[in-house]
């Protein structure tokens, strides 16, 4: 253990390998006004897999991007049901389920 310890510096930043996909949604008009003034918008919206938790999102945004998160709101949605009509048959399918995440940031 001591041989391993001398190769790892004590001031090294942690390395994150998240198994988390957050898709950023378009900004609202209010958020675009903040961005045009050079400020961070007060809220951000994401879409993710239904299994993602609030604490996971908060820790991810704080650890990777350094954002100061005030509150995280989540809502689960079922995927839309669709049908595809072909010449002699109809194929029914569903889009994947998703979770909508709204993040409020501290100013």
Protein backbone atom coordinates (compact mmCIF):
# COMPACT_ATOMS: atom_id res chain seq x y z
CA UNK A 1 0.00 0.00 0.00
CA UNK A 2 2.83 2.43 0.78
CA UNK A 3 4.38 1.89 -2.67
CA UNK A 4 1.06 2.75 -4.27
CA UNK A 5 0.54 5.80 -2.09
CA UNK A 6 3.73 7.57 -3.21
CA UNK A 7 2.55 7.62 -6.86
CA UNK A 8 -0.83 9.24 -6.09
CA UNK A 9 -0.54 12.95 -5.21
CA UNK A 10 -2.67 14.21 -2.33
CA UNK A 11 -4.05 17.24 -4.15
CA UNK A 12 -5.45 15.34 -7.10
CA UNK A 13 -9.01 16.17 -8.10
CA UNK A 14 -11.48 13.28 -8.15
CA UNK A 15 -12.20 11.69 -11.51
CA UNK A 16 -15.85 11.18 -12.40
CA UNK A 17 -17.09 8.40 -14.67
CA UNK A 18 -20.84 8.90 -14.45
CA UNK A 19 -23.23 6.36 -15.87
CA UNK A 20 -25.75 9.13 -16.42
CA UNK A 21 -27.12 10.74 -19.59
CA UNK A 22 -28.75 14.16 -19.20
CA UNK A 23 -30.23 15.65 -22.36
CA UNK A 24 -30.51 19.44 -22.10
CA UNK A 25 -33.86 20.84 -23.17
CA UNK A 26 -34.20 24.22 -24.94
CA UNK A 27 -34.03 27.27 -22.69
CA UNK A 28 -37.14 29.32 -21.89
CA UNK A 29 -37.41 32.98 -22.94
CA UNK A 30 -36.66 34.10 -19.38
CA UNK A 31 -33.51 31.98 -19.33
CA UNK A 32 -32.43 33.33 -22.73
CA UNK A 33 -32.67 36.88 -21.35
CA UNK A 34 -30.29 35.94 -18.53
CA UNK A 35 -27.86 34.37 -21.00
CA UNK A 36 -27.92 37.47 -23.23
CA UNK A 37 -26.89 39.55 -20.18
CA UNK A 38 -24.01 37.14 -19.49
CA UNK A 39 -25.64 35.55 -16.43
CA UNK A 40 -26.43 31.95 -15.60
CA UNK A 41 -30.14 31.14 -16.05
CA UNK A 42 -32.06 30.46 -12.80
CA UNK A 43 -33.51 27.14 -14.04
CA UNK A 44 -32.30 24.41 -16.38
CA UNK A 45 -34.34 21.53 -17.83
CA UNK A 46 -33.11 18.05 -18.69
CA UNK A 47 -34.46 14.69 -19.80
CA UNK A 48 -33.04 11.46 -18.44
CA UNK A 49 -33.81 7.78 -17.90
CA UNK A 50 -36.60 7.11 -15.36
CA UNK A 51 -34.14 5.47 -12.94
CA UNK A 52 -32.11 8.66 -12.34
CA UNK A 53 -32.53 10.13 -8.84
CA UNK A 54 -32.55 13.72 -7.59
CA UNK A 55 -29.38 13.33 -5.52
CA UNK A 56 -27.59 11.77 -8.49
CA UNK A 57 -28.42 14.79 -10.66
CA UNK A 58 -27.47 17.29 -7.94
CA UNK A 59 -24.12 15.61 -7.20
CA UNK A 60 -23.37 15.20 -10.93
CA UNK A 61 -23.95 18.88 -11.75
CA UNK A 62 -22.00 20.03 -8.69
CA UNK A 63 -19.08 17.64 -9.18
CA UNK A 64 -18.63 17.83 -12.94
CA UNK A 65 -19.77 21.36 -13.81
CA UNK A 66 -19.39 23.12 -10.45
CA UNK A 67 -23.00 24.37 -10.41
CA UNK A 68 -24.55 25.37 -7.08
CA UNK A 69 -27.89 23.54 -7.18
CA UNK A 70 -30.70 24.85 -4.99
CA UNK A 71 -33.51 22.40 -5.81
CA UNK A 72 -34.23 19.51 -8.19
CA UNK A 73 -37.76 18.73 -9.41
CA UNK A 74 -38.51 15.50 -11.28
CA UNK A 75 -41.51 14.05 -13.11
CA UNK A 76 -41.81 10.63 -14.75
CA UNK A 77 -43.54 10.34 -18.13
CA UNK A 78 -44.61 7.32 -20.13
CA UNK A 79 -43.51 7.16 -23.74
CA UNK A 80 -46.09 8.02 -26.38
CA UNK A 81 -47.90 5.20 -28.13
CA UNK A 82 -47.48 5.29 -31.91
CA UNK A 83 -48.62 3.29 -34.89
CA UNK A 84 -47.00 2.80 -38.26
CA UNK A 85 -49.35 1.96 -41.14
CA UNK A 86 -47.91 -0.15 -43.92
CA UNK A 87 -49.67 -1.58 -47.00
CA UNK A 88 -51.28 -4.60 -45.37
CA UNK A 89 -50.55 -4.27 -41.64
CA UNK A 90 -50.30 -1.83 -38.76
CA UNK A 91 -47.33 -1.88 -36.38
CA UNK A 92 -47.85 -0.49 -32.86
CA UNK A 93 -44.91 0.69 -30.78
CA UNK A 94 -44.06 2.96 -27.86
CA UNK A 95 -41.40 5.60 -27.50
CA UNK A 96 -39.18 5.08 -24.42
CA UNK A 97 -40.22 6.37 -20.99
CA UNK A 98 -38.34 9.40 -19.65
CA UNK A 99 -37.94 11.61 -16.61
CA UNK A 100 -38.21 15.39 -16.89
CA UNK A 101 -35.80 17.18 -14.54
CA UNK A 102 -35.96 20.87 -13.63
CA UNK A 103 -32.96 22.22 -11.74
CA UNK A 104 -33.07 25.51 -9.82
CA UNK A 105 -29.69 27.15 -9.34
CA UNK A 106 -28.48 29.46 -6.56
CA UNK A 107 -27.44 32.87 -7.79
